[in-house]
Amino acid sequence: MGTHAKPVATERIRRMPLASFYPHYVTKVERKGRTQAEVDQVITWLTGYDEAGLERVLADEVELETFFAQAPAFHPNASLITGTVCGYRVEEIEDELMQKIRYMDKLVDEVAKGKAMEKILRTA
């Protein structure tokens, strides 16, 4: 793996539409008996988009970079999200956008693992 592999991968991820990740999130949680509504709930909690805004972003295939840049209200408790996703500790990721993407991944993982929604949303 060359020295440029990570920035190239990061740039590719930034340009991917949320719509390319979203079906995988839904499939992942549904296999574990959870719902699409719960995926929507964690994404809207994290970003401040309402349901209509999330639907619009998905339909328009908005890139992740734009999705997070235009997020109405990134949740202040997002910094309470810790743990490992794809081999990275989310609390240690320096690139702000990549950290936000991994926060979202971590929340979906927690839904799939059956964690209580109050804990996932850092309210309990």
PDB file of N, CA and C in Angstrom:
ATOM      1  N   MET A   1       0.851  -1.177   0.000  1.00  0.00           N
ATOM      2  CA  MET A   1       0.000   0.000   0.000  1.00  0.00           C
ATOM      3  C   MET A   1       0.891   1.233   0.000  1.00  0.00           C
ATOM      4  N   GLY A   2       0.747   2.066  -1.008  1.00  0.00           N
ATOM      5  CA  GLY A   2       1.587   3.250  -1.149  1.00  0.00           C
ATOM      6  C   GLY A   2       1.186   4.366  -0.211  1.00  0.00           C
ATOM      7  N   THR A   3       2.014   5.377  -0.163  1.00  0.00           N
ATOM      8  CA  THR A   3       1.761   6.501   0.737  1.00  0.00           C
ATOM      9  C   THR A   3       0.552   7.311   0.311  1.00  0.00           C
ATOM     10  N   HIS A   4       0.145   7.178  -0.952  1.00  0.00           N
ATOM     11  CA  HIS A   4      -0.991   7.962  -1.441  1.00  0.00           C
ATOM     12  C   HIS A   4      -2.320   7.228  -1.321  1.00  0.00           C
ATOM     13  N   ALA A   5      -2.277   5.983  -0.907  1.00  0.00           N
ATOM     14  CA  ALA A   5      -3.507   5.176  -0.876  1.00  0.00           C
ATOM     15  C   ALA A   5      -4.569   5.773   0.047  1.00  0.00           C
ATOM     16  N   LYS A   6      -4.169   6.206   1.219  1.00  0.00           N
ATOM     17  CA  LYS A   6      -5.169   6.713   2.161  1.00  0.00           C
ATOM     18  C   LYS A   6      -5.837   7.989   1.659  1.00  0.00           C
ATOM     19  N   PRO A   7      -5.084   9.023   1.203  1.00  0.00           N
ATOM     20  CA  PRO A   7      -5.759  10.226   0.702  1.00  0.00           C
ATOM     21  C   PRO A   7      -6.669   9.954  -0.489  1.00  0.00           C
ATOM     22  N   VAL A   8      -6.267   9.062  -1.389  1.00  0.00           N
ATOM     23  CA  VAL A   8      -7.103   8.739  -2.543  1.00  0.00           C
ATOM     24  C   VAL A   8      -8.395   8.078  -2.073  1.00  0.00           C
ATOM     25  N   ALA A   9      -8.283   7.138  -1.144  1.00  0.00           N
ATOM     26  CA  ALA A   9      -9.472   6.470  -0.618  1.00  0.00           C
ATOM     27  C   ALA A   9     -10.365   7.478   0.089  1.00  0.00           C
ATOM     28  N   THR A  10      -9.763   8.368   0.862  1.00  0.00           N
ATOM     29  CA  THR A  10     -10.522   9.390   1.572  1.00  0.00           C
ATOM     30  C   THR A  10     -11.264  10.274   0.587  1.00  0.00           C
ATOM     31  N   GLU A  11     -10.596  10.687  -0.472  1.00  0.00           N
ATOM     32  CA  GLU A  11     -11.232  11.553  -1.475  1.00  0.00           C
ATOM     33  C   GLU A  11     -12.386  10.819  -2.153  1.00  0.00           C
ATOM     34  N   ARG A  12     -12.201   9.544  -2.443  1.00  0.00           N
ATOM     35  CA  ARG A  12     -13.259   8.758  -3.078  1.00  0.00           C
ATOM     36  C   ARG A  12     -14.485   8.676  -2.164  1.00  0.00           C
ATOM     37  N   ILE A  13     -14.248   8.455  -0.885  1.00  0.00           N
ATOM     38  CA  ILE A  13     -15.353   8.362   0.071  1.00  0.00           C
ATOM     39  C   ILE A  13     -16.088   9.694   0.174  1.00  0.00           C
ATOM     40  N   ARG A  14     -15.350  10.804   0.212  1.00  0.00           N
ATOM     41  CA  ARG A  14     -15.963  12.134   0.298  1.00  0.00           C
ATOM     42  C   ARG A  14     -16.952  12.369  -0.837  1.00  0.00           C
ATOM     43  N   ARG A  15     -16.643  11.831  -1.996  1.00  0.00           N
ATOM     44  CA  ARG A  15     -17.445  12.067  -3.204  1.00  0.00           C
ATOM     45  C   ARG A  15     -18.583  11.071  -3.381  1.00  0.00           C
ATOM     46  N   MET A  16     -18.633  10.052  -2.529  1.00  0.00           N
ATOM     47  CA  MET A  16     -19.697   9.054  -2.658  1.00  0.00           C
ATOM     48  C   MET A  16     -21.012   9.630  -2.137  1.00  0.00           C
ATOM     49  N   PRO A  17     -22.102   9.349  -2.808  1.00  0.00           N
ATOM     50  CA  PRO A  17     -23.397   9.805  -2.298  1.00  0.00           C
ATOM     51  C   PRO A  17     -23.830   8.977  -1.088  1.00  0.00           C
ATOM     52  N   LEU A  18     -24.509   9.623  -0.170  1.00  0.00           N
ATOM     53  CA  LEU A  18     -25.072   8.899   0.974  1.00  0.00           C
ATOM     54  C   LEU A  18     -25.946   7.751   0.469  1.00  0.00           C
ATOM     55  N   ALA A  19     -26.624   7.975  -0.645  1.00  0.00           N
ATOM     56  CA  ALA A  19     -27.520   6.953  -1.210  1.00  0.00           C
ATOM     57  C   ALA A  19     -26.785   5.650  -1.534  1.00  0.00           C
ATOM     58  N   SER A  20     -25.462   5.699  -1.718  1.00  0.00           N
ATOM     59  CA  SER A  20     -24.730   4.461  -1.995  1.00  0.00           C
ATOM     60  C   SER A  20     -24.461   3.673  -0.714  1.00  0.00           C
ATOM     61  N   PHE A  21     -24.434   4.331   0.446  1.00  0.00           N
ATOM     62  CA  PHE A  21     -24.232   3.671   1.728  1.00  0.00           C
ATOM     63  C   PHE A  21     -25.550   3.228   2.342  1.00  0.00           C
ATOM     64  N   TYR A  22     -26.541   4.048   2.199  1.00  0.00           N
ATOM     65  CA  TYR A  22     -27.809   3.905   2.908  1.00  0.00           C
ATOM     66  C   TYR A  22     -28.451   2.512   2.776  1.00  0.00           C
ATOM     67  N   PRO A  23     -28.577   1.957   1.572  1.00  0.00           N
ATOM     68  CA  PRO A  23     -29.201   0.616   1.472  1.00  0.00           C
ATOM     69  C   PRO A  23     -28.429  -0.445   2.262  1.00  0.00           C
ATOM     70  N   HIS A  24     -27.112  -0.302   2.336  1.00  0.00           N
ATOM     71  CA  HIS A  24     -26.301  -1.250   3.099  1.00  0.00           C
ATOM     72  C   HIS A  24     -26.565  -1.108   4.598  1.00  0.00           C
ATOM     73  N   TYR A  25     -26.721   0.134   5.041  1.00  0.00           N
ATOM     74  CA  TYR A  25     -27.073   0.369   6.445  1.00  0.00           C
ATOM     75  C   TYR A  25     -28.398  -0.315   6.771  1.00  0.00           C
ATOM     76  N   VAL A  26     -29.391  -0.108   5.906  1.00  0.00           N
ATOM     77  CA  VAL A  26     -30.727  -0.669   6.148  1.00  0.00           C
ATOM     78  C   VAL A  26     -30.671  -2.197   6.151  1.00  0.00           C
ATOM     79  N   THR A  27     -30.007  -2.772   5.173  1.00  0.00           N
ATOM     80  CA  THR A  27     -29.879  -4.229   5.097  1.00  0.00           C
ATOM     81  C   THR A  27     -29.202  -4.779   6.342  1.00  0.00           C
ATOM     82  N   LYS A  28     -28.132  -4.106   6.766  1.00  0.00           N
ATOM     83  CA  LYS A  28     -27.377  -4.551   7.937  1.00  0.00           C
ATOM     84  C   LYS A  28     -28.262  -4.610   9.181  1.00  0.00           C
ATOM     85  N   VAL A  29     -29.040  -3.570   9.429  1.00  0.00           N
ATOM     86  CA  VAL A  29     -29.866  -3.555  10.647  1.00  0.00           C
ATOM     87  C   VAL A  29     -31.076  -4.469  10.523  1.00  0.00           C
ATOM     88  N   GLU A  30     -31.650  -4.568   9.327  1.00  0.00           N
ATOM     89  CA  GLU A  30     -32.819  -5.440   9.146  1.00  0.00           C
ATOM     90  C   GLU A  30     -32.453  -6.906   9.343  1.00  0.00           C
ATOM     91  N   ARG A  31     -31.230  -7.291   8.955  1.00  0.00           N
ATOM     92  CA  ARG A  31     -30.773  -8.673   9.194  1.00  0.00           C
ATOM     93  C   ARG A  31     -30.737  -8.991  10.683  1.00  0.00           C
ATOM     94  N   LYS A  32     -30.611  -7.965  11.500  1.00  0.00           N
ATOM     95  CA  LYS A  32     -30.538  -8.135  12.955  1.00  0.00           C
ATOM     96  C   LYS A  32     -31.866  -7.819  13.638  1.00  0.00           C
ATOM     97  N   GLY A  33     -32.939  -7.684  12.846  1.00  0.00           N
ATOM     98  CA  GLY A  33     -34.257  -7.467  13.418  1.00  0.00           C
ATOM     99  C   GLY A  33     -34.568  -6.020  13.761  1.00  0.00           C
ATOM    100  N   ARG A  34     -33.761  -5.087  13.281  1.00  0.00           N
ATOM    101  CA  ARG A  34     -34.027  -3.668  13.525  1.00  0.00           C
ATOM    102  C   ARG A  34     -34.638  -3.083  12.247  1.00  0.00           C
ATOM    103  N   THR A  35     -34.911  -1.762  12.230  1.00  0.00           N
ATOM    104  CA  THR A  35     -35.695  -1.201  11.135  1.00  0.00           C
ATOM    105  C   THR A  35     -35.017  -0.035  10.423  1.00  0.00           C
ATOM    106  N   GLN A  36     -35.507   0.228   9.216  1.00  0.00           N
ATOM    107  CA  GLN A  36     -35.063   1.389   8.446  1.00  0.00           C
ATOM    108  C   GLN A  36     -35.362   2.673   9.226  1.00  0.00           C
ATOM    109  N   ALA A  37     -36.489   2.705   9.919  1.00  0.00           N
ATOM    110  CA  ALA A  37     -36.849   3.885  10.717  1.00  0.00           C
ATOM    111  C   ALA A  37     -35.779   4.176  11.769  1.00  0.00           C
ATOM    112  N   GLU A  38     -35.174   3.132  12.322  1.00  0.00           N
ATOM    113  CA  GLU A  38     -34.116   3.333  13.320  1.00  0.00           C
ATOM    114  C   GLU A  38     -32.841   3.866  12.675  1.00  0.00           C
ATOM    115  N   VAL A  39     -32.547   3.423  11.461  1.00  0.00           N
ATOM    116  CA  VAL A  39     -31.408   3.986  10.719  1.00  0.00           C
ATOM    117  C   VAL A  39     -31.664   5.476  10.488  1.00  0.00           C
ATOM    118  N   ASP A  40     -32.860   5.794  10.016  1.00  0.00           N
ATOM    119  CA  ASP A  40     -33.218   7.199   9.781  1.00  0.00           C
ATOM    120  C   ASP A  40     -33.105   8.008  11.064  1.00  0.00           C
ATOM    121  N   GLN A  41     -33.550   7.432  12.165  1.00  0.00           N
ATOM    122  CA  GLN A  41     -33.520   8.137  13.445  1.00  0.00           C
ATOM    123  C   GLN A  41     -32.089   8.493  13.852  1.00  0.00           C
ATOM    124  N   VAL A  42     -31.146   7.559  13.709  1.00  0.00           N
ATOM    125  CA  VAL A  42     -29.776   7.877  14.120  1.00  0.00           C
ATOM    126  C   VAL A  42     -29.122   8.873  13.170  1.00  0.00           C
ATOM    127  N   ILE A  43     -29.438   8.779  11.880  1.00  0.00           N
ATOM    128  CA  ILE A  43     -28.861   9.725  10.918  1.00  0.00           C
ATOM    129  C   ILE A  43     -29.421  11.123  11.152  1.00  0.00           C
ATOM    130  N   THR A  44     -30.724  11.229  11.382  1.00  0.00           N
ATOM    131  CA  THR A  44     -31.312  12.551  11.613  1.00  0.00           C
ATOM    132  C   THR A  44     -30.851  13.114  12.959  1.00  0.00           C
ATOM    133  N   TRP A  45     -30.699  12.272  13.957  1.00  0.00           N
ATOM    134  CA  TRP A  45     -30.174  12.727  15.251  1.00  0.00           C
ATOM    135  C   TRP A  45     -28.775  13.319  15.074  1.00  0.00           C
ATOM    136  N   LEU A  46     -27.934  12.599  14.339  1.00  0.00           N
ATOM    137  CA  LEU A  46     -26.546  13.016  14.162  1.00  0.00           C
ATOM    138  C   LEU A  46     -26.425  14.321  13.381  1.00  0.00           C
ATOM    139  N   THR A  47     -27.252  14.471  12.359  1.00  0.00           N
ATOM    140  CA  THR A  47     -27.049  15.562  11.392  1.00  0.00           C
ATOM    141  C   THR A  47     -28.026  16.720  11.504  1.00  0.00           C
ATOM    142  N   GLY A  48     -29.179  16.501  12.111  1.00  0.00           N
ATOM    143  CA  GLY A  48     -30.177  17.554  12.194  1.00  0.00           C
ATOM    144  C   GLY A  48     -31.112  17.615  10.990  1.00  0.00           C
ATOM    145  N   TYR A  49     -30.881  16.765   9.992  1.00  0.00           N
ATOM    146  CA  TYR A  49     -31.834  16.700   8.878  1.00  0.00           C
ATOM    147  C   TYR A  49     -33.150  16.167   9.419  1.00  0.00           C
ATOM    148  N   ASP A  50     -34.274  16.632   8.877  1.00  0.00           N
ATOM    149  CA  ASP A  50     -35.545  16.003   9.208  1.00  0.00           C
ATOM    150  C   ASP A  50     -35.777  14.879   8.192  1.00  0.00           C
ATOM    151  N   GLU A  51     -36.876  14.160   8.355  1.00  0.00           N
ATOM    152  CA  GLU A  51     -37.145  13.013   7.474  1.00  0.00           C
ATOM    153  C   GLU A  51     -37.226  13.440   6.007  1.00  0.00           C
ATOM    154  N   ALA A  52     -37.901  14.551   5.723  1.00  0.00           N
ATOM    155  CA  ALA A  52     -38.021  15.040   4.347  1.00  0.00           C
ATOM    156  C   ALA A  52     -36.649  15.434   3.794  1.00  0.00           C
ATOM    157  N   GLY A  53     -35.831  16.045   4.630  1.00  0.00           N
ATOM    158  CA  GLY A  53     -34.486  16.439   4.201  1.00  0.00           C
ATOM    159  C   GLY A  53     -33.629  15.229   3.881  1.00  0.00           C
ATOM    160  N   LEU A  54     -33.734  14.200   4.712  1.00  0.00           N
ATOM    161  CA  LEU A  54     -32.989  12.967   4.470  1.00  0.00           C
ATOM    162  C   LEU A  54     -33.456  12.321   3.171  1.00  0.00           C
ATOM    163  N   GLU A  55     -34.762  12.265   2.961  1.00  0.00           N
ATOM    164  CA  GLU A  55     -35.298  11.687   1.715  1.00  0.00           C
ATOM    165  C   GLU A  55     -34.792  12.458   0.496  1.00  0.00           C
ATOM    166  N   ARG A  56     -34.737  13.782   0.597  1.00  0.00           N
ATOM    167  CA  ARG A  56     -34.261  14.629  -0.506  1.00  0.00           C
ATOM    168  C   ARG A  56     -32.788  14.345  -0.809  1.00  0.00           C
ATOM    169  N   VAL A  57     -31.966  14.260   0.237  1.00  0.00           N
ATOM    170  CA  VAL A  57     -30.539  13.984   0.085  1.00  0.00           C
ATOM    171  C   VAL A  57     -30.326  12.635  -0.607  1.00  0.00           C
ATOM    172  N   LEU A  58     -31.104  11.646  -0.208  1.00  0.00           N
ATOM    173  CA  LEU A  58     -30.990  10.320  -0.819  1.00  0.00           C
ATOM    174  C   LEU A  58     -31.432  10.359  -2.280  1.00  0.00           C
ATOM    175  N   ALA A  59     -32.555  10.994  -2.557  1.00  0.00           N
ATOM    176  CA  ALA A  59     -33.078  11.062  -3.929  1.00  0.00           C
ATOM    177  C   ALA A  59     -32.144  11.841  -4.854  1.00  0.00           C
ATOM    178  N   ASP A  60     -31.534  12.900  -4.328  1.00  0.00           N
ATOM    179  CA  ASP A  60     -30.637  13.738  -5.141  1.00  0.00           C
ATOM    180  C   ASP A  60     -29.214  13.202  -5.204  1.00  0.00           C
ATOM    181  N   GLU A  61     -28.953  12.080  -4.523  1.00  0.00           N
ATOM    182  CA  GLU A  61     -27.629  11.463  -4.481  1.00  0.00           C
ATOM    183  C   GLU A  61     -26.545  12.463  -4.081  1.00  0.00           C
ATOM    184  N   VAL A  62     -26.811  13.181  -3.000  1.00  0.00           N
ATOM    185  CA  VAL A  62     -25.874  14.165  -2.472  1.00  0.00           C
ATOM    186  C   VAL A  62     -24.636  13.455  -1.931  1.00  0.00           C
ATOM    187  N   GLU A  63     -23.452  13.988  -2.300  1.00  0.00           N
ATOM    188  CA  GLU A  63     -22.187  13.422  -1.839  1.00  0.00           C
ATOM    189  C   GLU A  63     -22.051  13.591  -0.331  1.00  0.00           C
ATOM    190  N   LEU A  64     -21.323  12.670   0.295  1.00  0.00           N
ATOM    191  CA  LEU A  64     -21.146  12.724   1.751  1.00  0.00           C
ATOM    192  C   LEU A  64     -20.566  14.056   2.210  1.00  0.00           C
ATOM    193  N   GLU A  65     -19.602  14.583   1.479  1.00  0.00           N
ATOM    194  CA  GLU A  65     -18.995  15.856   1.870  1.00  0.00           C
ATOM    195  C   GLU A  65     -20.048  16.965   1.937  1.00  0.00           C
ATOM    196  N   THR A  66     -20.898  17.041   0.929  1.00  0.00           N
ATOM    197  CA  THR A  66     -21.968  18.040   0.889  1.00  0.00           C
ATOM    198  C   THR A  66     -23.023  17.734   1.947  1.00  0.00           C
ATOM    199  N   PHE A  67     -23.366  16.471   2.095  1.00  0.00           N
ATOM    200  CA  PHE A  67     -24.356  16.047   3.092  1.00  0.00           C
ATOM    201  C   PHE A  67     -23.979  16.561   4.475  1.00  0.00           C
ATOM    202  N   PHE A  68     -22.727  16.355   4.873  1.00  0.00           N
ATOM    203  CA  PHE A  68     -22.300  16.803   6.196  1.00  0.00           C
ATOM    204  C   PHE A  68     -22.076  18.319   6.244  1.00  0.00           C
ATOM    205  N   ALA A  69     -21.579  18.901   5.164  1.00  0.00           N
ATOM    206  CA  ALA A  69     -21.359  20.354   5.140  1.00  0.00           C
ATOM    207  C   ALA A  69     -22.674  21.108   5.286  1.00  0.00           C
ATOM    208  N   GLN A  70     -23.745  20.558   4.735  1.00  0.00           N
ATOM    209  CA  GLN A  70     -25.052  21.223   4.771  1.00  0.00           C
ATOM    210  C   GLN A  70     -25.956  20.704   5.893  1.00  0.00           C
ATOM    211  N   ALA A  71     -25.410  19.863   6.753  1.00  0.00           N
ATOM    212  CA  ALA A  71     -26.210  19.326   7.862  1.00  0.00           C
ATOM    213  C   ALA A  71     -26.762  20.476   8.688  1.00  0.00           C
ATOM    214  N   PRO A  72     -28.071  20.486   8.905  1.00  0.00           N
ATOM    215  CA  PRO A  72     -28.692  21.598   9.633  1.00  0.00           C
ATOM    216  C   PRO A  72     -28.155  21.799  11.046  1.00  0.00           C
ATOM    217  N   ALA A  73     -27.855  20.710  11.751  1.00  0.00           N
ATOM    218  CA  ALA A  73     -27.412  20.845  13.144  1.00  0.00           C
ATOM    219  C   ALA A  73     -26.693  19.574  13.562  1.00  0.00           C
ATOM    220  N   PHE A  74     -25.386  19.515  13.314  1.00  0.00           N
ATOM    221  CA  PHE A  74     -24.632  18.337  13.742  1.00  0.00           C
ATOM    222  C   PHE A  74     -24.730  18.249  15.262  1.00  0.00           C
ATOM    223  N   HIS A  75     -25.126  17.095  15.773  1.00  0.00           N
ATOM    224  CA  HIS A  75     -25.453  16.951  17.194  1.00  0.00           C
ATOM    225  C   HIS A  75     -24.231  17.193  18.093  1.00  0.00           C
ATOM    226  N   PRO A  76     -24.391  18.047  19.102  1.00  0.00           N
ATOM    227  CA  PRO A  76     -23.272  18.330  20.005  1.00  0.00           C
ATOM    228  C   PRO A  76     -22.795  17.109  20.794  1.00  0.00           C
ATOM    229  N   ASN A  77     -23.650  16.117  20.982  1.00  0.00           N
ATOM    230  CA  ASN A  77     -23.246  14.906  21.702  1.00  0.00           C
ATOM    231  C   ASN A  77     -22.537  13.888  20.814  1.00  0.00           C
ATOM    232  N   ALA A  78     -22.306  14.223  19.565  1.00  0.00           N
ATOM    233  CA  ALA A  78     -21.597  13.299  18.677  1.00  0.00           C
ATOM    234  C   ALA A  78     -20.220  12.962  19.234  1.00  0.00           C
ATOM    235  N   SER A  79     -19.613  13.900  19.937  1.00  0.00           N
ATOM    236  CA  SER A  79     -18.283  13.646  20.493  1.00  0.00           C
ATOM    237  C   SER A  79     -18.307  12.546  21.562  1.00  0.00           C
ATOM    238  N   LEU A  80     -19.498  12.168  22.026  1.00  0.00           N
ATOM    239  CA  LEU A  80     -19.623  11.077  22.998  1.00  0.00           C
ATOM    240  C   LEU A  80     -19.570   9.705  22.322  1.00  0.00           C
ATOM    241  N   ILE A  81     -19.598   9.692  20.980  1.00  0.00           N
ATOM    242  CA  ILE A  81     -19.532   8.437  20.232  1.00  0.00           C
ATOM    243  C   ILE A  81     -18.072   7.988  20.223  1.00  0.00           C
ATOM    244  N   THR A  82     -17.835   6.807  20.778  1.00  0.00           N
ATOM    245  CA  THR A  82     -16.479   6.272  20.827  1.00  0.00           C
ATOM    246  C   THR A  82     -16.494   4.820  20.390  1.00  0.00           C
ATOM    247  N   GLY A  83     -15.330   4.300  20.145  1.00  0.00           N
ATOM    248  CA  GLY A  83     -15.211   2.907  19.760  1.00  0.00           C
ATOM    249  C   GLY A  83     -14.550   2.761  18.410  1.00  0.00           C
ATOM    250  N   THR A  84     -14.536   1.529  17.930  1.00  0.00           N
ATOM    251  CA  THR A  84     -13.820   1.212  16.703  1.00  0.00           C
ATOM    252  C   THR A  84     -14.795   0.916  15.568  1.00  0.00           C
ATOM    253  N   VAL A  85     -14.490   1.499  14.404  1.00  0.00           N
ATOM    254  CA  VAL A  85     -15.221   1.219  13.176  1.00  0.00           C
ATOM    255  C   VAL A  85     -14.181   1.042  12.081  1.00  0.00           C
ATOM    256  N   CYS A  86     -14.245  -0.070  11.372  1.00  0.00           N
ATOM    257  CA  CYS A  86     -13.305  -0.341  10.272  1.00  0.00           C
ATOM    258  C   CYS A  86     -11.852  -0.208  10.730  1.00  0.00           C
ATOM    259  N   GLY A  87     -11.595  -0.592  11.969  1.00  0.00           N
ATOM    260  CA  GLY A  87     -10.233  -0.558  12.484  1.00  0.00           C
ATOM    261  C   GLY A  87      -9.755   0.797  12.980  1.00  0.00           C
ATOM    262  N   TYR A  88     -10.615   1.795  12.956  1.00  0.00           N
ATOM    263  CA  TYR A  88     -10.248   3.133  13.427  1.00  0.00           C
ATOM    264  C   TYR A  88     -11.030   3.462  14.687  1.00  0.00           C
ATOM    265  N   ARG A  89     -10.363   4.071  15.665  1.00  0.00           N
ATOM    266  CA  ARG A  89     -11.063   4.592  16.842  1.00  0.00           C
ATOM    267  C   ARG A  89     -11.677   5.910  16.420  1.00  0.00           C
ATOM    268  N   VAL A  90     -13.003   5.998  16.430  1.00  0.00           N
ATOM    269  CA  VAL A  90     -13.687   7.182  15.894  1.00  0.00           C
ATOM    270  C   VAL A  90     -13.288   8.460  16.611  1.00  0.00           C
ATOM    271  N   GLU A  91     -13.022   8.358  17.909  1.00  0.00           N
ATOM    272  CA  GLU A  91     -12.669   9.557  18.669  1.00  0.00           C
ATOM    273  C   GLU A  91     -11.264  10.077  18.336  1.00  0.00           C
ATOM    274  N   GLU A  92     -10.468   9.281  17.609  1.00  0.00           N
ATOM    275  CA  GLU A  92      -9.098   9.685  17.284  1.00  0.00           C
ATOM    276  C   GLU A  92      -8.920  10.106  15.836  1.00  0.00           C
ATOM    277  N   ILE A  93      -9.956  10.051  15.028  1.00  0.00           N
ATOM    278  CA  ILE A  93      -9.852  10.420  13.614  1.00  0.00           C
ATOM    279  C   ILE A  93      -9.695  11.932  13.507  1.00  0.00           C
ATOM    280  N   GLU A  94      -8.646  12.371  12.847  1.00  0.00           N
ATOM    281  CA  GLU A  94      -8.337  13.806  12.779  1.00  0.00           C
ATOM    282  C   GLU A  94      -9.106  14.529  11.685  1.00  0.00           C
ATOM    283  N   ASP A  95      -9.326  13.874  10.558  1.00  0.00           N
ATOM    284  CA  ASP A  95     -10.063  14.497   9.457  1.00  0.00           C
ATOM    285  C   ASP A  95     -11.527  14.637   9.880  1.00  0.00           C
ATOM    286  N   GLU A  96     -12.020  15.856   9.975  1.00  0.00           N
ATOM    287  CA  GLU A  96     -13.358  16.116  10.514  1.00  0.00           C
ATOM    288  C   GLU A  96     -14.459  15.401   9.730  1.00  0.00           C
ATOM    289  N   LEU A  97     -14.386  15.455   8.406  1.00  0.00           N
ATOM    290  CA  LEU A  97     -15.415  14.784   7.604  1.00  0.00           C
ATOM    291  C   LEU A  97     -15.365  13.274   7.801  1.00  0.00           C
ATOM    292  N   MET A  98     -14.171  12.699   7.754  1.00  0.00           N
ATOM    293  CA  MET A  98     -14.060  11.248   7.935  1.00  0.00           C
ATOM    294  C   MET A  98     -14.542  10.840   9.325  1.00  0.00           C
ATOM    295  N   GLN A  99     -14.307  11.684  10.319  1.00  0.00           N
ATOM    296  CA  GLN A  99     -14.799  11.371  11.661  1.00  0.00           C
ATOM    297  C   GLN A  99     -16.328  11.369  11.673  1.00  0.00           C
ATOM    298  N   LYS A 100     -16.946  12.332  11.002  1.00  0.00           N
ATOM    299  CA  LYS A 100     -18.409  12.383  10.959  1.00  0.00           C
ATOM    300  C   LYS A 100     -18.977  11.159  10.243  1.00  0.00           C
ATOM    301  N   ILE A 101     -18.316  10.747   9.167  1.00  0.00           N
ATOM    302  CA  ILE A 101     -18.759   9.553   8.437  1.00  0.00           C
ATOM    303  C   ILE A 101     -18.664   8.333   9.347  1.00  0.00           C
ATOM    304  N   ARG A 102     -17.564   8.218  10.073  1.00  0.00           N
ATOM    305  CA  ARG A 102     -17.366   7.071  10.972  1.00  0.00           C
ATOM    306  C   ARG A 102     -18.318   7.126  12.164  1.00  0.00           C
ATOM    307  N   TYR A 103     -18.668   8.332  12.632  1.00  0.00           N
ATOM    308  CA  TYR A 103     -19.691   8.448  13.670  1.00  0.00           C
ATOM    309  C   TYR A 103     -20.988   7.808  13.165  1.00  0.00           C
ATOM    310  N   MET A 104     -21.359   8.147  11.924  1.00  0.00           N
ATOM    311  CA  MET A 104     -22.591   7.612  11.353  1.00  0.00           C
ATOM    312  C   MET A 104     -22.496   6.085  11.246  1.00  0.00           C
ATOM    313  N   ASP A 105     -21.346   5.583  10.767  1.00  0.00           N
ATOM    314  CA  ASP A 105     -21.142   4.135  10.684  1.00  0.00           C
ATOM    315  C   ASP A 105     -21.295   3.482  12.056  1.00  0.00           C
ATOM    316  N   LYS A 106     -20.709   4.110  13.062  1.00  0.00           N
ATOM    317  CA  LYS A 106     -20.743   3.553  14.422  1.00  0.00           C
ATOM    318  C   LYS A 106     -22.169   3.502  14.955  1.00  0.00           C
ATOM    319  N   LEU A 107     -22.947   4.561  14.718  1.00  0.00           N
ATOM    320  CA  LEU A 107     -24.339   4.564  15.175  1.00  0.00           C
ATOM    321  C   LEU A 107     -25.129   3.434  14.529  1.00  0.00           C
ATOM    322  N   VAL A 108     -24.937   3.244  13.230  1.00  0.00           N
ATOM    323  CA  VAL A 108     -25.638   2.159  12.528  1.00  0.00           C
ATOM    324  C   VAL A 108     -25.184   0.804  13.073  1.00  0.00           C
ATOM    325  N   ASP A 109     -23.887   0.656  13.354  1.00  0.00           N
ATOM    326  CA  ASP A 109     -23.388  -0.587  13.953  1.00  0.00           C
ATOM    327  C   ASP A 109     -24.077  -0.860  15.286  1.00  0.00           C
ATOM    328  N   GLU A 110     -24.234   0.203  16.080  1.00  0.00           N
ATOM    329  CA  GLU A 110     -24.869   0.042  17.390  1.00  0.00           C
ATOM    330  C   GLU A 110     -26.340  -0.369  17.254  1.00  0.00           C
ATOM    331  N   VAL A 111     -27.026   0.172  16.257  1.00  0.00           N
ATOM    332  CA  VAL A 111     -28.404  -0.251  15.992  1.00  0.00           C
ATOM    333  C   VAL A 111     -28.405  -1.743  15.652  1.00  0.00           C
ATOM    334  N   ALA A 112     -27.517  -2.143  14.738  1.00  0.00           N
ATOM    335  CA  ALA A 112     -27.453  -3.541  14.306  1.00  0.00           C
ATOM    336  C   ALA A 112     -27.109  -4.483  15.458  1.00  0.00           C
ATOM    337  N   LYS A 113     -26.337  -3.992  16.412  1.00  0.00           N
ATOM    338  CA  LYS A 113     -25.943  -4.830  17.552  1.00  0.00           C
ATOM    339  C   LYS A 113     -27.023  -4.907  18.623  1.00  0.00           C
ATOM    340  N   GLY A 114     -28.146  -4.208  18.396  1.00  0.00           N
ATOM    341  CA  GLY A 114     -29.271  -4.314  19.317  1.00  0.00           C
ATOM    342  C   GLY A 114     -29.202  -3.389  20.521  1.00  0.00           C
ATOM    343  N   LYS A 115     -28.316  -2.421  20.474  1.00  0.00           N
ATOM    344  CA  LYS A 115     -28.208  -1.476  21.586  1.00  0.00           C
ATOM    345  C   LYS A 115     -29.498  -0.676  21.734  1.00  0.00           C
ATOM    346  N   ALA A 116     -29.834  -0.308  22.948  1.00  0.00           N
ATOM    347  CA  ALA A 116     -31.031   0.499  23.206  1.00  0.00           C
ATOM    348  C   ALA A 116     -30.876   1.870  22.554  1.00  0.00           C
ATOM    349  N   MET A 117     -31.949   2.357  21.931  1.00  0.00           N
ATOM    350  CA  MET A 117     -31.905   3.627  21.215  1.00  0.00           C
ATOM    351  C   MET A 117     -31.472   4.776  22.133  1.00  0.00           C
ATOM    352  N   GLU A 118     -31.876   4.755  23.401  1.00  0.00           N
ATOM    353  CA  GLU A 118     -31.489   5.834  24.325  1.00  0.00           C
ATOM    354  C   GLU A 118     -29.965   5.880  24.475  1.00  0.00           C
ATOM    355  N   LYS A 119     -29.333   4.728  24.507  1.00  0.00           N
ATOM    356  CA  LYS A 119     -27.876   4.677  24.620  1.00  0.00           C
ATOM    357  C   LYS A 119     -27.217   5.110  23.312  1.00  0.00           C
ATOM    358  N   ILE A 120     -27.771   4.658  22.194  1.00  0.00           N
ATOM    359  CA  ILE A 120     -27.216   5.026  20.891  1.00  0.00           C
ATOM    360  C   ILE A 120     -27.254   6.536  20.725  1.00  0.00           C
ATOM    361  N   LEU A 121     -28.342   7.143  21.139  1.00  0.00           N
ATOM    362  CA  LEU A 121     -28.507   8.590  20.984  1.00  0.00           C
ATOM    363  C   LEU A 121     -27.898   9.375  22.148  1.00  0.00           C
ATOM    364  N   ARG A 122     -27.099   8.684  22.937  1.00  0.00           N
ATOM    365  CA  ARG A 122     -26.338   9.304  24.031  1.00  0.00           C
ATOM    366  C   ARG A 122     -27.224  10.126  24.967  1.00  0.00           C
ATOM    367  N   THR A 123     -28.406   9.568  25.300  1.00  0.00           N
ATOM    368  CA  THR A 123     -29.302  10.266  26.238  1.00  0.00           C
ATOM    369  C   THR A 123     -29.385   9.536  27.570  1.00  0.00           C
ATOM    370  N   ALA A 124     -28.856   8.318  27.638  1.00  0.00           N
ATOM    371  CA  ALA A 124     -28.922   7.564  28.903  1.00  0.00           C
ATOM    372  C   ALA A 124     -27.568   7.035  29.273  1.00  0.00           C
TER     373      ALA A 124
END
